[in-house]
Amino acid sequence: MLWTIIGLLLVLWILGLVTKVGGALIHILLVVAVIIFIVNLFRGRAG
């Protein structure tokens, strides 16, 4: 599920860079997805 969200946000981010549509929102969502991924990665190793 997490990989699907990250992949979708990455595709939307690339489309936003190409078409200049919704740039700020896509960048914020991408940063949130990366933070969630990093937290999940550390929790997986610690637990």
N, C-alpha and C. Protein backbone atom coordinates (compact mmCIF):
# COMPACT_ATOMS: atom_id res chain seq x y z
N MET A 1 0.83 -1.20 0.00
CA MET A 1 0.00 0.00 0.00
C MET A 1 0.87 1.25 0.00
N LEU A 2 1.89 1.25 0.86
CA LEU A 2 2.78 2.41 0.93
C LEU A 2 3.52 2.61 -0.38
N TRP A 3 3.97 1.51 -1.00
CA TRP A 3 4.69 1.63 -2.27
C TRP A 3 3.78 2.15 -3.37
N THR A 4 2.50 1.80 -3.33
CA THR A 4 1.55 2.30 -4.32
C THR A 4 1.37 3.80 -4.18
N ILE A 5 1.24 4.27 -2.95
CA ILE A 5 1.08 5.71 -2.70
C ILE A 5 2.33 6.46 -3.13
N ILE A 6 3.50 5.94 -2.79
CA ILE A 6 4.75 6.61 -3.16
C ILE A 6 4.89 6.65 -4.68
N GLY A 7 4.58 5.55 -5.34
CA GLY A 7 4.67 5.51 -6.80
C GLY A 7 3.71 6.49 -7.46
N LEU A 8 2.49 6.53 -6.96
CA LEU A 8 1.49 7.45 -7.50
C LEU A 8 1.91 8.89 -7.31
N LEU A 9 2.40 9.23 -6.12
CA LEU A 9 2.85 10.59 -5.87
C LEU A 9 4.06 10.95 -6.72
N LEU A 10 4.94 10.00 -6.94
CA LEU A 10 6.10 10.25 -7.78
C LEU A 10 5.68 10.53 -9.22
N VAL A 11 4.73 9.77 -9.74
CA VAL A 11 4.23 10.00 -11.09
C VAL A 11 3.54 11.36 -11.17
N LEU A 12 2.73 11.69 -10.18
CA LEU A 12 2.06 12.99 -10.18
C LEU A 12 3.06 14.13 -10.08
N TRP A 13 4.14 13.93 -9.31
CA TRP A 13 5.17 14.94 -9.17
C TRP A 13 5.86 15.18 -10.50
N ILE A 14 6.20 14.11 -11.20
CA ILE A 14 6.85 14.24 -12.51
C ILE A 14 5.91 14.93 -13.50
N LEU A 15 4.64 14.56 -13.49
CA LEU A 15 3.67 15.23 -14.36
C LEU A 15 3.53 16.70 -14.00
N GLY A 16 3.59 17.00 -12.70
CA GLY A 16 3.52 18.40 -12.27
C GLY A 16 4.72 19.20 -12.73
N LEU A 17 5.90 18.58 -12.74
CA LEU A 17 7.09 19.27 -13.25
C LEU A 17 6.97 19.53 -14.74
N VAL A 18 6.42 18.57 -15.48
CA VAL A 18 6.32 18.70 -16.93
C VAL A 18 5.24 19.70 -17.32
N THR A 19 4.08 19.63 -16.66
CA THR A 19 2.94 20.45 -17.07
C THR A 19 2.74 21.70 -16.22
N LYS A 20 3.48 21.83 -15.13
CA LYS A 20 3.37 22.99 -14.22
C LYS A 20 1.97 23.14 -13.63
N VAL A 21 1.30 22.01 -13.35
CA VAL A 21 -0.04 22.04 -12.77
C VAL A 21 0.02 21.52 -11.34
N GLY A 22 -0.51 22.28 -10.39
CA GLY A 22 -0.58 21.84 -9.01
C GLY A 22 0.79 21.62 -8.38
N GLY A 23 1.76 22.41 -8.74
CA GLY A 23 3.14 22.21 -8.31
C GLY A 23 3.32 22.16 -6.80
N ALA A 24 2.82 23.14 -6.10
CA ALA A 24 3.04 23.22 -4.65
C ALA A 24 2.39 22.05 -3.91
N LEU A 25 1.19 21.70 -4.28
CA LEU A 25 0.48 20.61 -3.61
C LEU A 25 1.18 19.28 -3.84
N ILE A 26 1.61 19.03 -5.06
CA ILE A 26 2.30 17.78 -5.37
C ILE A 26 3.61 17.70 -4.61
N HIS A 27 4.34 18.80 -4.52
CA HIS A 27 5.61 18.79 -3.80
C HIS A 27 5.40 18.52 -2.32
N ILE A 28 4.37 19.11 -1.74
CA ILE A 28 4.07 18.88 -0.32
C ILE A 28 3.70 17.42 -0.10
N LEU A 29 2.87 16.86 -0.96
CA LEU A 29 2.46 15.46 -0.82
C LEU A 29 3.64 14.52 -1.00
N LEU A 30 4.56 14.87 -1.91
CA LEU A 30 5.73 14.03 -2.12
C LEU A 30 6.63 14.04 -0.88
N VAL A 31 6.80 15.20 -0.28
CA VAL A 31 7.61 15.29 0.94
C VAL A 31 6.97 14.49 2.06
N VAL A 32 5.66 14.57 2.20
CA VAL A 32 4.95 13.79 3.22
C VAL A 32 5.13 12.30 2.97
N ALA A 33 5.05 11.87 1.70
CA ALA A 33 5.22 10.45 1.38
C ALA A 33 6.64 9.98 1.72
N VAL A 34 7.64 10.80 1.44
CA VAL A 34 9.02 10.43 1.75
C VAL A 34 9.21 10.33 3.26
N ILE A 35 8.65 11.26 4.02
CA ILE A 35 8.76 11.21 5.48
C ILE A 35 8.10 9.96 6.04
N ILE A 36 6.91 9.63 5.53
CA ILE A 36 6.22 8.42 5.98
C ILE A 36 7.03 7.18 5.64
N PHE A 37 7.64 7.17 4.45
CA PHE A 37 8.47 6.03 4.04
C PHE A 37 9.67 5.86 4.98
N ILE A 38 10.34 6.96 5.31
CA ILE A 38 11.52 6.90 6.18
C ILE A 38 11.12 6.43 7.58
N VAL A 39 10.03 6.96 8.11
CA VAL A 39 9.57 6.55 9.44
C VAL A 39 9.21 5.07 9.43
N ASN A 40 8.53 4.62 8.38
CA ASN A 40 8.15 3.21 8.27
C ASN A 40 9.39 2.32 8.15
N LEU A 41 10.39 2.78 7.43
CA LEU A 41 11.63 2.02 7.27
C LEU A 41 12.33 1.84 8.60
N PHE A 42 12.43 2.92 9.39
CA PHE A 42 13.09 2.82 10.69
C PHE A 42 12.29 1.99 11.68
N ARG A 43 10.98 2.09 11.66
CA ARG A 43 10.15 1.28 12.55
C ARG A 43 10.26 -0.19 12.21
N GLY A 44 10.37 -0.51 10.92
CA GLY A 44 10.51 -1.89 10.49
C GLY A 44 11.81 -2.50 10.96
N ARG A 45 12.88 -1.74 10.93
CA ARG A 45 14.19 -2.25 11.37
C ARG A 45 14.26 -2.34 12.88
N ALA A 46 13.63 -1.39 13.58
CA ALA A 46 13.71 -1.37 15.04
C ALA A 46 12.83 -2.47 15.65
N GLY A 47 11.70 -2.75 14.99
CA GLY A 47 10.73 -3.65 15.58
C GLY A 47 10.83 -5.04 15.24
